[in-house]
């Protein structure tokens, strides 16, 4: 049974100033999301589920609707601020879309195999999809999950600070904690540092 790729693409791009999930970055006009989908197909994923908003449905489908139909099964689900999910009877007031947990719950009826979750506007690299596909098809269970991690210093930008979830693992590689760090950057000497803490790090 082939795993499913769940792509979170309902973001508003408020800081970016537009729909970065569909903006072209490749030489032939490819969006980042297209590289992820092709890498996932090569790794053995069998279905892609897009989480989008109704307000971006037209431009999103115009960009992607027919590109992958002949390569992999695709399905769309819709995440709105007021999308009801099981167990929550009343959602608090909010201006921006809800996050990952809400998106996964919105998409749950479209997913019938072990699955991986990615952001539409992040580049992961082919190896990440191969590693995750191998895990999902051989080792995944109801109580056994995995996450692909990256060396922090390799994920920084030359054009400003970034926010990252910084992971701590034990000697066997099992996840112990994830701490959200904001405004991570390099100092003048090139060292990585967290502005909310003293000292540098080499993560």
Protein backbone atom coordinates (compact mmCIF):
# COMPACT_ATOMS: atom_id res chain seq x y z
CA UNK A 1 0.00 0.00 0.00
CA UNK A 2 1.58 3.26 -1.13
CA UNK A 3 1.79 6.16 1.35
CA UNK A 4 -0.03 9.46 0.94
CA UNK A 5 1.52 12.93 0.81
CA UNK A 6 -0.50 15.61 2.60
CA UNK A 7 0.47 19.08 1.39
CA UNK A 8 -0.47 22.09 3.51
CA UNK A 9 -1.22 24.90 1.07
CA UNK A 10 -3.92 26.96 2.79
CA UNK A 11 -1.59 29.70 4.03
CA UNK A 12 -2.36 33.33 3.29
CA UNK A 13 1.23 34.44 2.61
CA UNK A 14 0.64 37.57 4.69
CA UNK A 15 4.35 38.21 5.35
CA UNK A 16 5.32 37.20 1.82
CA UNK A 17 2.65 39.36 0.22
CA UNK A 18 1.03 36.79 -2.05
CA UNK A 19 0.40 33.12 -2.77
CA UNK A 20 3.94 31.83 -2.44
CA UNK A 21 2.67 28.24 -2.73
CA UNK A 22 2.04 28.80 -6.45
CA UNK A 23 4.75 31.32 -7.35
CA UNK A 24 7.29 30.20 -9.93
CA UNK A 25 10.86 29.53 -8.79
CA UNK A 26 12.11 27.07 -11.42
CA UNK A 27 13.59 27.73 -14.85
CA UNK A 28 10.36 26.65 -16.53
CA UNK A 29 8.02 28.29 -14.07
CA UNK A 30 7.85 25.45 -11.54
CA UNK A 31 6.62 26.19 -8.04
CA UNK A 32 8.40 24.60 -5.06
CA UNK A 33 5.41 22.32 -4.55
CA UNK A 34 6.06 20.70 -7.93
CA UNK A 35 9.54 19.57 -6.93
CA UNK A 36 8.09 18.00 -3.80
CA UNK A 37 5.41 16.13 -5.72
CA UNK A 38 7.83 14.77 -8.32
CA UNK A 39 10.25 13.70 -5.58
CA UNK A 40 7.37 12.00 -3.75
CA UNK A 41 6.31 10.13 -6.88
CA UNK A 42 9.85 8.93 -7.44
CA UNK A 43 10.03 7.80 -3.81
CA UNK A 44 6.88 5.69 -4.13
CA UNK A 45 4.03 7.80 -2.80
CA UNK A 46 0.70 6.91 -4.34
CA UNK A 47 -1.56 9.87 -3.58
CA UNK A 48 -1.36 13.60 -2.94
CA UNK A 49 -3.92 15.45 -0.82
CA UNK A 50 -3.85 19.25 -1.07
CA UNK A 51 -5.20 21.33 1.80
CA UNK A 52 -6.27 24.69 0.40
CA UNK A 53 -8.78 27.47 0.96
CA UNK A 54 -11.81 28.06 -1.27
CA UNK A 55 -10.58 31.59 -1.98
CA UNK A 56 -7.42 30.28 -3.68
CA UNK A 57 -9.02 27.28 -5.38
CA UNK A 58 -9.19 28.83 -8.85
CA UNK A 59 -5.55 30.00 -9.16
CA UNK A 60 -4.29 26.89 -7.38
CA UNK A 61 -6.09 24.47 -9.70
CA UNK A 62 -5.18 26.56 -12.73
CA UNK A 63 -1.53 26.05 -11.80
CA UNK A 64 -1.61 22.38 -10.78
CA UNK A 65 -4.89 20.62 -11.64
CA UNK A 66 -3.77 18.80 -14.79
CA UNK A 67 -0.04 18.54 -14.16
CA UNK A 68 -0.13 15.45 -11.99
CA UNK A 69 -3.39 13.67 -12.89
CA UNK A 70 -1.59 11.19 -15.14
CA UNK A 71 1.18 10.60 -12.59
CA UNK A 72 -0.49 10.24 -9.21
CA UNK A 73 -3.93 10.31 -7.60
CA UNK A 74 -4.78 13.78 -6.28
CA UNK A 75 -7.52 15.15 -4.03
CA UNK A 76 -8.39 18.55 -2.59
CA UNK A 77 -9.76 19.34 0.86
CA UNK A 78 -10.60 22.76 2.23
CA UNK A 79 -9.37 24.36 5.42
CA UNK A 80 -11.21 27.49 6.46
CA UNK A 81 -11.15 29.38 9.73
CA UNK A 82 -14.56 27.95 10.58
CA UNK A 83 -14.04 24.39 9.29
CA UNK A 84 -15.47 22.12 11.97
CA UNK A 85 -13.50 19.08 13.09
CA UNK A 86 -14.57 16.22 15.33
CA UNK A 87 -14.29 16.93 19.05
CA UNK A 88 -14.37 20.73 18.76
CA UNK A 89 -17.82 22.25 18.96
CA UNK A 90 -16.85 25.92 18.83
CA UNK A 91 -13.71 27.44 17.30
CA UNK A 92 -12.30 30.62 18.89
CA UNK A 93 -12.20 33.81 16.82
CA UNK A 94 -9.22 33.89 14.48
CA UNK A 95 -8.07 35.88 11.41
CA UNK A 96 -5.55 33.47 9.90
CA UNK A 97 -6.08 29.79 9.00
CA UNK A 98 -5.47 27.24 11.72
CA UNK A 99 -2.25 25.27 11.77
CA UNK A 100 -1.01 21.77 11.06
CA UNK A 101 -3.16 19.87 13.54
CA UNK A 102 -6.37 21.40 12.21
CA UNK A 103 -5.29 20.80 8.61
CA UNK A 104 -4.61 17.10 9.26
CA UNK A 105 -8.01 16.68 10.91
CA UNK A 106 -9.69 18.44 7.98
CA UNK A 107 -8.00 16.00 5.60
CA UNK A 108 -8.46 12.79 7.58
CA UNK A 109 -11.32 11.41 5.46
CA UNK A 110 -9.18 11.73 2.32
CA UNK A 111 -6.28 9.72 3.77
CA UNK A 112 -6.45 5.94 3.91
CA UNK A 113 -2.79 4.91 4.09
CA UNK A 114 0.23 5.93 6.20
CA UNK A 115 1.02 9.53 5.31
CA UNK A 116 3.58 12.32 5.48
CA UNK A 117 2.82 16.02 5.97
CA UNK A 118 4.74 18.83 4.25
CA UNK A 119 4.37 22.55 3.70
CA UNK A 120 3.69 23.67 0.14
CA UNK A 121 6.35 26.37 0.21
CA UNK A 122 9.28 24.45 1.71
CA UNK A 123 11.90 22.50 -0.23
CA UNK A 124 12.78 19.15 1.31
CA UNK A 125 15.02 17.36 -1.18
CA UNK A 126 14.56 13.96 -2.80
CA UNK A 127 16.31 12.03 -0.03
CA UNK A 128 13.77 13.19 2.55
CA UNK A 129 10.93 11.65 0.55
CA UNK A 130 12.80 8.39 0.04
CA UNK A 131 13.52 8.13 3.76
CA UNK A 132 9.93 8.88 4.70
CA UNK A 133 8.45 6.53 2.10
CA UNK A 134 10.69 3.73 3.35
CA UNK A 135 9.58 4.35 6.92
CA UNK A 136 5.88 4.60 6.05
CA UNK A 137 5.92 1.35 4.10
CA UNK A 138 8.00 -0.76 6.47
CA UNK A 139 8.03 0.59 10.04
CA UNK A 140 5.10 2.95 10.58
CA UNK A 141 2.41 1.91 13.06
CA UNK A 142 -0.35 3.46 15.15
CA UNK A 143 2.23 4.23 17.84
CA UNK A 144 5.41 4.62 15.77
CA UNK A 145 5.93 7.91 13.94
CA UNK A 146 8.88 9.65 12.32
CA UNK A 147 10.07 13.09 11.36
CA UNK A 148 12.75 14.11 8.88
CA UNK A 149 15.16 16.54 10.51
CA UNK A 150 17.77 18.91 9.12
CA UNK A 151 20.94 20.44 10.49
CA UNK A 152 19.84 23.89 11.59
CA UNK A 153 22.76 25.84 10.15
CA UNK A 154 22.00 24.41 6.70
CA UNK A 155 18.47 25.82 6.74
CA UNK A 156 19.24 29.48 7.39
CA UNK A 157 18.67 32.28 4.91
CA UNK A 158 21.08 34.92 3.68
CA UNK A 159 18.17 37.34 3.41
CA UNK A 160 17.01 37.59 7.00
CA UNK A 161 16.05 35.56 10.04
CA UNK A 162 14.05 32.31 10.09
CA UNK A 163 11.81 30.48 12.55
CA UNK A 164 12.49 26.80 13.21
CA UNK A 165 11.41 23.98 15.46
CA UNK A 166 14.68 22.91 17.12
CA UNK A 167 14.68 19.22 18.04
CA UNK A 168 16.41 17.33 20.84
CA UNK A 169 16.99 13.60 20.39
CA UNK A 170 18.43 10.86 22.56
CA UNK A 171 21.41 8.63 21.75
CA UNK A 172 19.17 6.36 19.66
CA UNK A 173 17.75 9.16 17.57
CA UNK A 174 14.36 9.21 19.30
CA UNK A 175 12.74 12.62 19.57
CA UNK A 176 12.69 14.12 23.06
CA UNK A 177 11.40 17.64 22.40
CA UNK A 178 10.73 20.29 19.79
CA UNK A 179 11.16 23.94 20.80
CA UNK A 180 9.97 26.72 18.53
CA UNK A 181 12.74 29.27 17.99
CA UNK A 182 12.10 32.58 16.28
CA UNK A 183 14.32 35.05 14.44
CA UNK A 184 17.25 32.62 14.15
CA UNK A 185 20.16 34.21 12.30
CA UNK A 186 23.93 34.41 11.98
CA UNK A 187 26.11 36.99 13.65
CA UNK A 188 28.88 38.89 11.88
CA UNK A 189 31.27 35.97 12.45
CA UNK A 190 28.86 33.53 10.83
CA UNK A 191 27.78 31.85 14.06
CA UNK A 192 24.16 30.76 14.45
CA UNK A 193 22.37 32.34 17.39
CA UNK A 194 18.93 32.61 18.97
CA UNK A 195 18.15 36.25 19.87
CA UNK A 196 16.04 35.08 22.82
CA UNK A 197 19.03 33.33 24.39
CA UNK A 198 22.63 34.12 25.18
CA UNK A 199 25.40 32.44 23.23
CA UNK A 200 25.84 30.78 19.87
CA UNK A 201 25.03 27.27 18.71
CA UNK A 202 26.28 24.88 16.06
CA UNK A 203 23.07 22.94 15.42
